[in-house]
Amino acid sequence: MQEEIYREIATAVERGEPVVLATVARTRGSTPRKTGAKMVVRRDGSFFGTIGGGCGEAEVWQEAMDAFADGKPRIVTIDLTEPTNGEDKICGGVMDVFVERLG
């Protein structure tokens, strides 16, 4: 999957299209993906790859959209230990995700 992620980035760069790369930088506890997992977000909001799905991935996607706007890299902490909307979260860990605009 990592090779495909880099191919996706290279294709975007060749076309002159910026993308945002989200990389799981650190995990604590049980998380859906481990350190190094990557997701590429395109300007139109579509994406390639995954950092785990669900509400955590949606939060990272929103930060990626913000990174398109301001160009600033950021670290997003995804806390999967607290229930949301009355539902239990399956994983129970925490992920730090580095989000950076490329191109």
Protein backbone atom coordinates (compact mmCIF):
# COMPACT_ATOMS: atom_id res chain seq x y z
CA MET A 1 0.00 0.00 0.00
CA GLN A 2 2.86 2.42 0.79
CA GLU A 3 4.18 2.13 -2.78
CA GLU A 4 0.72 2.96 -4.13
CA ILE A 5 0.52 6.01 -1.84
CA TYR A 6 3.82 7.34 -3.19
CA ARG A 7 2.69 6.65 -6.76
CA GLU A 8 -0.48 8.67 -6.08
CA ILE A 9 1.61 11.58 -4.75
CA ALA A 10 4.00 11.44 -7.73
CA THR A 11 1.09 11.48 -10.19
CA ALA A 12 -0.43 14.54 -8.49
CA VAL A 13 2.91 16.36 -8.43
CA GLU A 14 3.47 15.61 -12.15
CA ARG A 15 0.07 17.17 -12.87
CA GLY A 16 0.83 20.19 -10.70
CA GLU A 17 -1.99 19.33 -8.31
CA PRO A 18 -1.34 19.81 -4.59
CA VAL A 19 -2.33 17.01 -2.20
CA VAL A 20 -2.29 16.62 1.54
CA LEU A 21 -0.50 13.66 3.07
CA ALA A 22 -1.71 12.39 6.44
CA THR A 23 0.65 10.00 8.24
CA VAL A 24 0.05 8.23 11.54
CA ALA A 25 3.06 9.48 13.52
CA ARG A 26 2.41 7.82 16.89
CA THR A 27 -0.12 5.50 18.48
CA ARG A 28 -0.96 4.63 22.07
CA GLY A 29 -3.24 1.77 22.99
CA SER A 30 -5.39 -0.07 20.47
CA THR A 31 -5.81 1.82 17.17
CA PRO A 32 -7.17 0.77 13.77
CA ARG A 33 -3.86 1.50 12.00
CA LYS A 34 -0.31 1.71 13.25
CA THR A 35 2.53 4.22 12.91
CA GLY A 36 3.36 4.89 9.26
CA ALA A 37 -0.15 4.39 7.85
CA LYS A 38 -0.87 7.02 5.21
CA MET A 39 -3.76 8.72 3.43
CA VAL A 40 -3.57 11.17 0.52
CA VAL A 41 -6.33 13.78 0.29
CA ARG A 42 -7.00 15.60 -2.98
CA ARG A 43 -8.25 19.18 -3.25
CA ASP A 44 -11.70 17.94 -4.38
CA GLY A 45 -12.02 16.03 -1.08
CA SER A 46 -11.50 12.57 -2.52
CA PHE A 47 -8.78 10.50 -0.91
CA PHE A 48 -6.58 7.45 -1.37
CA GLY A 49 -5.44 5.14 1.42
CA THR A 50 -6.65 5.09 5.00
CA ILE A 51 -5.53 5.93 8.49
CA GLY A 52 -8.32 3.89 10.05
CA GLY A 53 -11.75 5.02 8.90
CA GLY A 54 -14.67 6.32 10.92
CA CYS A 55 -14.91 9.59 12.79
CA GLY A 56 -11.14 9.77 13.36
CA GLU A 57 -10.46 9.67 9.65
CA ALA A 58 -13.19 12.27 9.09
CA GLU A 59 -11.45 14.58 11.57
CA VAL A 60 -8.13 14.15 9.75
CA TRP A 61 -9.90 14.76 6.40
CA GLN A 62 -11.23 18.08 7.75
CA GLU A 63 -7.74 19.09 8.89
CA ALA A 64 -6.47 18.17 5.42
CA MET A 65 -9.02 20.52 3.87
CA ASP A 66 -7.82 23.24 6.27
CA ALA A 67 -4.21 22.52 5.23
CA PHE A 68 -5.16 23.18 1.61
CA ALA A 69 -6.42 26.60 2.71
CA ASP A 70 -3.53 27.71 4.92
CA GLY A 71 -0.64 25.49 3.76
CA LYS A 72 0.43 24.85 7.36
CA PRO A 73 1.47 21.38 8.56
CA ARG A 74 -0.15 20.18 11.77
CA ILE A 75 -0.42 17.26 14.14
CA VAL A 76 -3.93 16.03 14.82
CA THR A 77 -4.58 13.93 17.92
CA ILE A 78 -7.38 11.43 17.43
CA ASP A 79 -8.72 10.12 20.73
CA LEU A 80 -10.52 6.82 20.24
CA THR A 81 -11.06 6.21 23.95
CA GLU A 82 -14.16 8.31 24.58
CA PRO A 83 -17.59 7.30 23.29
CA THR A 84 -19.34 9.73 20.95
CA ASN A 85 -23.06 10.09 20.48
CA GLY A 86 -23.68 7.31 22.98
CA GLU A 87 -21.77 4.72 20.98
CA ASP A 88 -18.76 2.83 22.28
CA LYS A 89 -15.60 3.19 20.23
CA ILE A 90 -14.10 -0.09 19.17
CA CYS A 91 -10.39 0.69 19.43
CA GLY A 92 -9.73 2.55 22.66
CA GLY A 93 -6.40 4.15 21.73
CA VAL A 94 -4.99 7.48 20.64
CA MET A 95 -3.31 8.39 17.33
CA ASP A 96 -1.21 11.44 16.46
CA VAL A 97 -1.47 12.13 12.73
CA PHE A 98 0.91 14.47 10.88
CA VAL A 99 -0.92 16.37 8.14
CA GLU A 100 1.06 18.27 5.49
CA ARG A 101 0.32 19.86 2.14
CA LEU A 102 2.57 18.75 -0.73
CA GLY A 103 2.99 20.59 -4.03
